[in-house]
N, C-alpha and C. Protein backbone atom coordinates (compact mmCIF):
# COMPACT_ATOMS: atom_id res chain seq x y z
N MET A 1 -10.52 56.45 -41.71
CA MET A 1 -9.89 56.02 -40.49
C MET A 1 -10.77 55.02 -39.74
N ARG A 2 -12.02 55.10 -39.94
CA ARG A 2 -12.96 54.19 -39.28
C ARG A 2 -12.69 52.75 -39.70
N LYS A 3 -12.42 52.47 -41.00
CA LYS A 3 -12.13 51.13 -41.48
C LYS A 3 -10.87 50.59 -40.81
N HIS A 4 -9.89 51.42 -40.67
CA HIS A 4 -8.63 51.02 -40.06
C HIS A 4 -8.84 50.56 -38.62
N THR A 5 -9.61 51.27 -37.85
CA THR A 5 -9.90 50.93 -36.47
C THR A 5 -10.70 49.65 -36.40
N THR A 6 -11.71 49.50 -37.27
CA THR A 6 -12.53 48.30 -37.28
C THR A 6 -11.67 47.08 -37.60
N PHE A 7 -10.74 47.22 -38.55
CA PHE A 7 -9.85 46.12 -38.90
C PHE A 7 -9.01 45.70 -37.69
N HIS A 8 -8.46 46.67 -36.98
CA HIS A 8 -7.63 46.36 -35.81
C HIS A 8 -8.43 45.70 -34.71
N VAL A 9 -9.63 46.14 -34.48
CA VAL A 9 -10.48 45.55 -33.45
C VAL A 9 -10.82 44.12 -33.83
N ALA A 10 -11.17 43.87 -35.10
CA ALA A 10 -11.50 42.52 -35.55
C ALA A 10 -10.27 41.61 -35.47
N THR A 11 -9.12 42.11 -35.87
CA THR A 11 -7.89 41.33 -35.81
C THR A 11 -7.53 41.01 -34.37
N LEU A 12 -7.63 41.98 -33.50
CA LEU A 12 -7.35 41.79 -32.09
C LEU A 12 -8.30 40.76 -31.49
N ALA A 13 -9.58 40.83 -31.83
CA ALA A 13 -10.57 39.88 -31.32
C ALA A 13 -10.25 38.46 -31.78
N ALA A 14 -9.85 38.32 -33.05
CA ALA A 14 -9.51 37.00 -33.59
C ALA A 14 -8.28 36.44 -32.89
N LEU A 15 -7.26 37.27 -32.70
CA LEU A 15 -6.05 36.81 -32.03
C LEU A 15 -6.32 36.43 -30.58
N LEU A 16 -7.16 37.19 -29.92
CA LEU A 16 -7.54 36.89 -28.54
C LEU A 16 -8.27 35.55 -28.48
N ALA A 17 -9.20 35.33 -29.41
CA ALA A 17 -9.94 34.07 -29.45
C ALA A 17 -9.00 32.89 -29.66
N LEU A 18 -8.03 33.03 -30.57
CA LEU A 18 -7.06 31.97 -30.80
C LEU A 18 -6.21 31.73 -29.56
N GLY A 19 -5.84 32.77 -28.90
CA GLY A 19 -5.05 32.65 -27.67
C GLY A 19 -5.81 31.92 -26.58
N LEU A 20 -7.08 32.23 -26.44
CA LEU A 20 -7.90 31.56 -25.43
C LEU A 20 -8.10 30.10 -25.79
N ALA A 21 -8.27 29.80 -27.07
CA ALA A 21 -8.42 28.41 -27.50
C ALA A 21 -7.14 27.64 -27.21
N GLY A 22 -6.01 28.25 -27.47
CA GLY A 22 -4.73 27.61 -27.19
C GLY A 22 -4.54 27.38 -25.70
N ALA A 23 -4.95 28.34 -24.90
CA ALA A 23 -4.84 28.19 -23.44
C ALA A 23 -5.74 27.07 -22.96
N ALA A 24 -6.92 26.93 -23.52
CA ALA A 24 -7.82 25.85 -23.13
C ALA A 24 -7.22 24.50 -23.48
N GLN A 25 -6.58 24.40 -24.65
CA GLN A 25 -5.95 23.14 -25.03
C GLN A 25 -4.77 22.84 -24.12
N ALA A 26 -4.03 23.84 -23.74
CA ALA A 26 -2.87 23.63 -22.89
C ALA A 26 -3.29 23.15 -21.50
N GLN A 27 -4.50 23.48 -21.08
CA GLN A 27 -4.97 23.09 -19.76
C GLN A 27 -5.54 21.69 -19.74
N THR A 28 -5.77 21.06 -20.89
CA THR A 28 -6.29 19.71 -20.94
C THR A 28 -5.21 18.77 -20.44
N PRO A 29 -5.46 18.08 -19.32
CA PRO A 29 -4.42 17.21 -18.78
C PRO A 29 -4.22 15.98 -19.67
N GLN A 30 -2.97 15.56 -19.78
CA GLN A 30 -2.67 14.33 -20.49
C GLN A 30 -3.13 13.16 -19.62
N GLU A 31 -3.71 12.16 -20.25
CA GLU A 31 -4.17 10.97 -19.56
C GLU A 31 -3.39 9.78 -20.09
N LEU A 32 -3.17 8.77 -19.25
CA LEU A 32 -2.45 7.58 -19.67
C LEU A 32 -3.38 6.38 -19.63
N PHE A 33 -3.45 5.68 -20.76
CA PHE A 33 -4.21 4.43 -20.87
C PHE A 33 -3.19 3.32 -21.07
N VAL A 34 -3.19 2.36 -20.15
CA VAL A 34 -2.23 1.26 -20.21
C VAL A 34 -2.99 -0.03 -20.45
N ASN A 35 -2.71 -0.68 -21.58
CA ASN A 35 -3.34 -1.94 -21.93
C ASN A 35 -2.31 -3.04 -21.69
N ILE A 36 -2.61 -3.92 -20.75
CA ILE A 36 -1.69 -5.01 -20.42
C ILE A 36 -2.36 -6.32 -20.78
N GLN A 37 -1.70 -7.11 -21.61
CA GLN A 37 -2.25 -8.41 -21.97
C GLN A 37 -1.25 -9.55 -21.77
N THR A 38 0.01 -9.20 -21.60
CA THR A 38 1.03 -10.24 -21.45
C THR A 38 0.92 -10.96 -20.11
N GLY A 39 1.34 -12.20 -20.12
CA GLY A 39 1.41 -12.96 -18.89
C GLY A 39 2.79 -12.90 -18.26
N GLU A 40 3.70 -12.17 -18.90
CA GLU A 40 5.07 -12.06 -18.40
C GLU A 40 5.14 -11.08 -17.23
N THR A 41 5.57 -11.57 -16.09
CA THR A 41 5.55 -10.78 -14.86
C THR A 41 6.36 -9.48 -14.95
N MET A 42 7.55 -9.54 -15.52
CA MET A 42 8.37 -8.32 -15.57
C MET A 42 7.76 -7.28 -16.50
N ALA A 43 7.16 -7.70 -17.59
CA ALA A 43 6.50 -6.75 -18.50
C ALA A 43 5.28 -6.14 -17.82
N GLN A 44 4.53 -6.96 -17.09
CA GLN A 44 3.39 -6.42 -16.33
C GLN A 44 3.89 -5.40 -15.31
N GLY A 45 4.97 -5.76 -14.61
CA GLY A 45 5.54 -4.86 -13.61
C GLY A 45 6.00 -3.55 -14.22
N ALA A 46 6.64 -3.62 -15.39
CA ALA A 46 7.11 -2.40 -16.05
C ALA A 46 5.93 -1.50 -16.39
N ALA A 47 4.86 -2.09 -16.89
CA ALA A 47 3.66 -1.31 -17.22
C ALA A 47 3.09 -0.64 -15.98
N LEU A 48 3.03 -1.38 -14.90
CA LEU A 48 2.45 -0.84 -13.66
C LEU A 48 3.36 0.23 -13.04
N VAL A 49 4.67 0.06 -13.16
CA VAL A 49 5.59 1.09 -12.67
C VAL A 49 5.38 2.40 -13.44
N LEU A 50 5.28 2.30 -14.76
CA LEU A 50 5.06 3.51 -15.57
C LEU A 50 3.72 4.16 -15.24
N ALA A 51 2.70 3.34 -15.04
CA ALA A 51 1.40 3.88 -14.65
C ALA A 51 1.50 4.59 -13.30
N GLY A 52 2.24 4.01 -12.38
CA GLY A 52 2.43 4.63 -11.08
C GLY A 52 3.18 5.95 -11.18
N GLN A 53 4.17 6.01 -12.05
CA GLN A 53 4.91 7.25 -12.24
C GLN A 53 4.02 8.33 -12.84
N ALA A 54 3.14 7.94 -13.76
CA ALA A 54 2.21 8.91 -14.33
C ALA A 54 1.26 9.44 -13.26
N LEU A 55 0.77 8.55 -12.39
CA LEU A 55 -0.10 9.00 -11.28
C LEU A 55 0.65 9.96 -10.38
N ALA A 56 1.90 9.66 -10.10
CA ALA A 56 2.71 10.53 -9.24
C ALA A 56 2.88 11.91 -9.85
N GLN A 57 2.81 11.98 -11.18
CA GLN A 57 2.92 13.26 -11.88
C GLN A 57 1.55 13.87 -12.16
N LYS A 58 0.53 13.38 -11.44
CA LYS A 58 -0.84 13.92 -11.46
C LYS A 58 -1.60 13.66 -12.76
N ALA A 59 -1.19 12.67 -13.54
CA ALA A 59 -1.93 12.32 -14.76
C ALA A 59 -3.01 11.31 -14.41
N PRO A 60 -4.21 11.47 -14.95
CA PRO A 60 -5.23 10.43 -14.77
C PRO A 60 -4.75 9.15 -15.47
N VAL A 61 -4.94 8.01 -14.82
CA VAL A 61 -4.48 6.73 -15.36
C VAL A 61 -5.63 5.74 -15.41
N ARG A 62 -5.70 5.02 -16.53
CA ARG A 62 -6.68 3.95 -16.70
C ARG A 62 -5.93 2.72 -17.20
N VAL A 63 -6.18 1.58 -16.56
CA VAL A 63 -5.49 0.34 -16.90
C VAL A 63 -6.53 -0.69 -17.35
N LEU A 64 -6.25 -1.33 -18.49
CA LEU A 64 -7.11 -2.40 -19.00
C LEU A 64 -6.29 -3.68 -19.02
N LEU A 65 -6.79 -4.70 -18.33
CA LEU A 65 -6.11 -5.99 -18.23
C LEU A 65 -6.85 -7.01 -19.09
N CYS A 66 -6.13 -7.61 -20.02
CA CYS A 66 -6.73 -8.62 -20.90
C CYS A 66 -5.89 -9.89 -20.88
N ASP A 67 -6.49 -10.97 -21.32
CA ASP A 67 -5.81 -12.25 -21.47
C ASP A 67 -5.13 -12.63 -20.14
N LYS A 68 -3.91 -13.09 -20.18
CA LYS A 68 -3.22 -13.54 -18.95
C LYS A 68 -3.02 -12.43 -17.94
N ALA A 69 -2.96 -11.19 -18.38
CA ALA A 69 -2.78 -10.08 -17.44
C ALA A 69 -3.99 -9.92 -16.52
N GLY A 70 -5.14 -10.36 -16.96
CA GLY A 70 -6.33 -10.28 -16.10
C GLY A 70 -6.18 -11.07 -14.82
N ASP A 71 -5.33 -12.09 -14.86
CA ASP A 71 -5.14 -12.93 -13.68
C ASP A 71 -4.60 -12.15 -12.49
N ILE A 72 -3.87 -11.06 -12.73
CA ILE A 72 -3.32 -10.31 -11.59
C ILE A 72 -4.41 -9.58 -10.82
N ALA A 73 -5.60 -9.47 -11.40
CA ALA A 73 -6.71 -8.80 -10.71
C ALA A 73 -7.60 -9.79 -9.97
N VAL A 74 -7.29 -11.07 -10.04
CA VAL A 74 -8.11 -12.09 -9.37
C VAL A 74 -7.64 -12.22 -7.92
N ALA A 75 -8.59 -12.15 -7.01
CA ALA A 75 -8.27 -12.23 -5.58
C ALA A 75 -7.64 -13.59 -5.24
N ASN A 76 -6.82 -13.57 -4.22
CA ASN A 76 -6.19 -14.78 -3.65
C ASN A 76 -5.27 -15.50 -4.63
N GLN A 77 -4.63 -14.75 -5.52
CA GLN A 77 -3.65 -15.33 -6.43
C GLN A 77 -2.29 -15.41 -5.73
N THR A 78 -1.55 -16.45 -6.02
CA THR A 78 -0.17 -16.54 -5.57
C THR A 78 0.68 -16.09 -6.74
N LEU A 79 1.32 -14.94 -6.59
CA LEU A 79 2.09 -14.35 -7.69
C LEU A 79 3.53 -14.15 -7.25
N PRO A 80 4.46 -14.20 -8.20
CA PRO A 80 5.87 -13.96 -7.85
C PRO A 80 6.10 -12.50 -7.48
N THR A 81 7.12 -12.28 -6.66
CA THR A 81 7.48 -10.91 -6.29
C THR A 81 8.56 -10.40 -7.24
N LEU A 82 8.53 -9.10 -7.42
CA LEU A 82 9.51 -8.44 -8.28
C LEU A 82 10.44 -7.59 -7.44
N LYS A 83 11.71 -7.70 -7.74
CA LYS A 83 12.72 -6.87 -7.08
C LYS A 83 12.77 -5.54 -7.80
N PRO A 84 13.18 -4.48 -7.23
CA PRO A 84 13.85 -4.38 -5.93
C PRO A 84 12.90 -4.17 -4.76
N ARG A 85 11.62 -3.96 -5.03
CA ARG A 85 10.69 -3.63 -3.93
C ARG A 85 10.06 -4.87 -3.30
N ASN A 86 10.26 -6.05 -3.91
CA ASN A 86 9.70 -7.30 -3.42
C ASN A 86 8.18 -7.23 -3.27
N VAL A 87 7.53 -6.80 -4.34
CA VAL A 87 6.07 -6.73 -4.38
C VAL A 87 5.57 -7.53 -5.57
N THR A 88 4.33 -7.98 -5.47
CA THR A 88 3.72 -8.69 -6.59
C THR A 88 3.05 -7.67 -7.51
N THR A 89 2.72 -8.12 -8.70
CA THR A 89 2.02 -7.24 -9.62
C THR A 89 0.64 -6.89 -9.08
N GLN A 90 0.04 -7.78 -8.32
CA GLN A 90 -1.26 -7.46 -7.72
C GLN A 90 -1.11 -6.36 -6.67
N GLN A 91 -0.06 -6.41 -5.89
CA GLN A 91 0.17 -5.34 -4.92
C GLN A 91 0.41 -4.01 -5.63
N MET A 92 1.14 -4.05 -6.75
CA MET A 92 1.36 -2.84 -7.53
C MET A 92 0.03 -2.31 -8.07
N LEU A 93 -0.81 -3.22 -8.55
CA LEU A 93 -2.12 -2.84 -9.07
C LEU A 93 -2.97 -2.21 -7.98
N GLN A 94 -2.95 -2.79 -6.79
CA GLN A 94 -3.70 -2.22 -5.67
C GLN A 94 -3.20 -0.83 -5.31
N GLY A 95 -1.91 -0.61 -5.42
CA GLY A 95 -1.36 0.72 -5.17
C GLY A 95 -1.88 1.73 -6.18
N LEU A 96 -1.98 1.33 -7.45
CA LEU A 96 -2.54 2.22 -8.47
C LEU A 96 -3.98 2.57 -8.16
N ILE A 97 -4.75 1.56 -7.76
CA ILE A 97 -6.16 1.79 -7.43
C ILE A 97 -6.27 2.77 -6.27
N GLN A 98 -5.46 2.57 -5.24
CA GLN A 98 -5.47 3.48 -4.09
C GLN A 98 -5.06 4.88 -4.50
N GLY A 99 -4.21 4.99 -5.52
CA GLY A 99 -3.77 6.29 -6.01
C GLY A 99 -4.77 6.97 -6.93
N GLY A 100 -5.85 6.28 -7.25
CA GLY A 100 -6.89 6.88 -8.07
C GLY A 100 -7.02 6.37 -9.49
N ALA A 101 -6.22 5.38 -9.86
CA ALA A 101 -6.31 4.82 -11.22
C ALA A 101 -7.61 4.02 -11.37
N LYS A 102 -8.13 4.05 -12.57
CA LYS A 102 -9.28 3.21 -12.92
C LYS A 102 -8.72 1.93 -13.52
N VAL A 103 -9.11 0.78 -12.97
CA VAL A 103 -8.59 -0.51 -13.43
C VAL A 103 -9.75 -1.41 -13.81
N GLU A 104 -9.62 -2.00 -15.01
CA GLU A 104 -10.67 -2.87 -15.53
C GLU A 104 -10.06 -4.11 -16.16
N VAL A 105 -10.83 -5.20 -16.17
CA VAL A 105 -10.48 -6.34 -17.01
C VAL A 105 -11.29 -6.17 -18.28
N CYS A 106 -10.75 -6.64 -19.40
CA CYS A 106 -11.46 -6.48 -20.67
C CYS A 106 -12.76 -7.29 -20.63
N ALA A 107 -13.69 -6.91 -21.46
CA ALA A 107 -15.02 -7.53 -21.47
C ALA A 107 -14.97 -9.03 -21.77
N LEU A 108 -13.93 -9.49 -22.41
CA LEU A 108 -13.82 -10.91 -22.76
C LEU A 108 -13.22 -11.74 -21.63
N TYR A 109 -12.57 -11.11 -20.69
CA TYR A 109 -11.83 -11.86 -19.68
C TYR A 109 -12.73 -12.74 -18.81
N LEU A 110 -13.71 -12.17 -18.16
CA LEU A 110 -14.52 -12.95 -17.23
C LEU A 110 -15.26 -14.11 -17.91
N PRO A 111 -16.00 -13.86 -18.99
CA PRO A 111 -16.74 -14.98 -19.58
C PRO A 111 -15.85 -16.08 -20.18
N ASN A 112 -14.62 -15.74 -20.54
CA ASN A 112 -13.75 -16.73 -21.16
C ASN A 112 -12.81 -17.42 -20.18
N THR A 113 -12.85 -17.00 -18.93
CA THR A 113 -12.03 -17.66 -17.91
C THR A 113 -12.89 -18.39 -16.89
N GLY A 114 -14.20 -18.25 -17.02
CA GLY A 114 -15.09 -18.90 -16.06
C GLY A 114 -15.15 -18.19 -14.73
N ARG A 115 -14.63 -16.97 -14.70
CA ARG A 115 -14.65 -16.19 -13.46
C ARG A 115 -15.79 -15.19 -13.50
N SER A 116 -16.07 -14.60 -12.33
CA SER A 116 -17.10 -13.56 -12.26
C SER A 116 -16.51 -12.32 -11.61
N ALA A 117 -17.28 -11.25 -11.63
CA ALA A 117 -16.82 -9.98 -11.05
C ALA A 117 -16.49 -10.13 -9.57
N THR A 118 -17.12 -11.06 -8.89
CA THR A 118 -16.85 -11.25 -7.46
C THR A 118 -15.48 -11.89 -7.21
N ASP A 119 -14.87 -12.42 -8.26
CA ASP A 119 -13.53 -13.01 -8.13
C ASP A 119 -12.42 -11.96 -8.18
N LEU A 120 -12.77 -10.73 -8.55
CA LEU A 120 -11.77 -9.68 -8.73
C LEU A 120 -11.48 -8.95 -7.42
N ILE A 121 -10.27 -8.42 -7.33
CA ILE A 121 -9.91 -7.64 -6.14
C ILE A 121 -10.74 -6.35 -6.12
N THR A 122 -10.87 -5.78 -4.96
CA THR A 122 -11.62 -4.54 -4.79
C THR A 122 -11.04 -3.44 -5.68
N GLY A 123 -11.92 -2.77 -6.40
CA GLY A 123 -11.51 -1.65 -7.23
C GLY A 123 -11.35 -2.01 -8.70
N VAL A 124 -11.45 -3.28 -9.05
CA VAL A 124 -11.34 -3.71 -10.45
C VAL A 124 -12.73 -4.09 -10.94
N THR A 125 -13.09 -3.58 -12.11
CA THR A 125 -14.40 -3.88 -12.70
C THR A 125 -14.22 -4.41 -14.11
N ALA A 126 -15.30 -4.91 -14.67
CA ALA A 126 -15.28 -5.35 -16.07
C ALA A 126 -15.50 -4.13 -16.95
N ALA A 127 -14.71 -4.03 -18.01
CA ALA A 127 -14.78 -2.89 -18.92
C ALA A 127 -15.99 -2.99 -19.84
N ALA A 128 -16.52 -1.83 -20.19
CA ALA A 128 -17.58 -1.72 -21.20
C ALA A 128 -16.89 -1.28 -22.48
N PRO A 129 -16.91 -2.09 -23.54
CA PRO A 129 -16.16 -1.75 -24.76
C PRO A 129 -16.48 -0.36 -25.33
N ALA A 130 -17.74 0.05 -25.32
CA ALA A 130 -18.08 1.37 -25.86
C ALA A 130 -17.44 2.48 -25.04
N ASP A 131 -17.39 2.31 -23.73
CA ASP A 131 -16.78 3.31 -22.85
C ASP A 131 -15.27 3.37 -23.07
N VAL A 132 -14.63 2.21 -23.22
CA VAL A 132 -13.19 2.18 -23.46
C VAL A 132 -12.87 2.84 -24.80
N ALA A 133 -13.64 2.51 -25.83
CA ALA A 133 -13.41 3.11 -27.15
C ALA A 133 -13.57 4.63 -27.10
N SER A 134 -14.59 5.09 -26.42
CA SER A 134 -14.82 6.53 -26.29
C SER A 134 -13.65 7.20 -25.58
N HIS A 135 -13.16 6.56 -24.54
CA HIS A 135 -12.01 7.10 -23.81
C HIS A 135 -10.77 7.18 -24.70
N LEU A 136 -10.52 6.12 -25.45
CA LEU A 136 -9.34 6.07 -26.32
C LEU A 136 -9.37 7.12 -27.42
N LEU A 137 -10.55 7.56 -27.81
CA LEU A 137 -10.68 8.54 -28.88
C LEU A 137 -10.44 9.97 -28.42
N LYS A 138 -10.33 10.17 -27.11
CA LYS A 138 -10.07 11.52 -26.62
C LYS A 138 -8.65 11.94 -27.00
N PRO A 139 -8.48 13.16 -27.52
CA PRO A 139 -7.15 13.59 -27.96
C PRO A 139 -6.13 13.69 -26.83
N SER A 140 -6.57 13.77 -25.59
CA SER A 140 -5.63 13.92 -24.48
C SER A 140 -5.07 12.59 -23.97
N VAL A 141 -5.52 11.48 -24.55
CA VAL A 141 -5.11 10.15 -24.05
C VAL A 141 -3.87 9.64 -24.78
N LYS A 142 -2.89 9.27 -23.99
CA LYS A 142 -1.69 8.60 -24.50
C LYS A 142 -1.82 7.12 -24.13
N THR A 143 -1.43 6.23 -25.03
CA THR A 143 -1.60 4.81 -24.77
C THR A 143 -0.26 4.08 -24.70
N LEU A 144 -0.24 3.07 -23.86
CA LEU A 144 0.89 2.15 -23.76
C LEU A 144 0.34 0.73 -23.81
N GLY A 145 0.99 -0.14 -24.53
CA GLY A 145 0.56 -1.53 -24.60
C GLY A 145 1.66 -2.47 -24.19
N PHE A 146 1.32 -3.42 -23.36
CA PHE A 146 2.28 -4.45 -22.90
C PHE A 146 1.67 -5.82 -23.05
């Protein structure tokens, strides 16, 4: 009878450990990584709207702006407004930053456009490729590309 009890205790311990591991995985929040490279205003706006919706649902959001999309992070830009809210993509980006999103321009943007970090709006920094790669490798990160 002793073997029978030991088996049940070991089985129960294993099942409990699996249950706790599953609970820990379930508690890992989903994160959204949005890579925007297009210069098309409506596509940029769609990406920023989705990022904003993810923030509203309490998901951590990180936005990487490359190529023409980096221009929306440059201060004093004249950008078209998007309906129905009549806001620019830069205003949308600033709203994300205020909501807690991390926003970066890709490492190639500044040196290839002749701009510097001081040309960017408050809250936008230059990305470190190793940091971005590390972030993307996390199993909890979902990615969107525009």
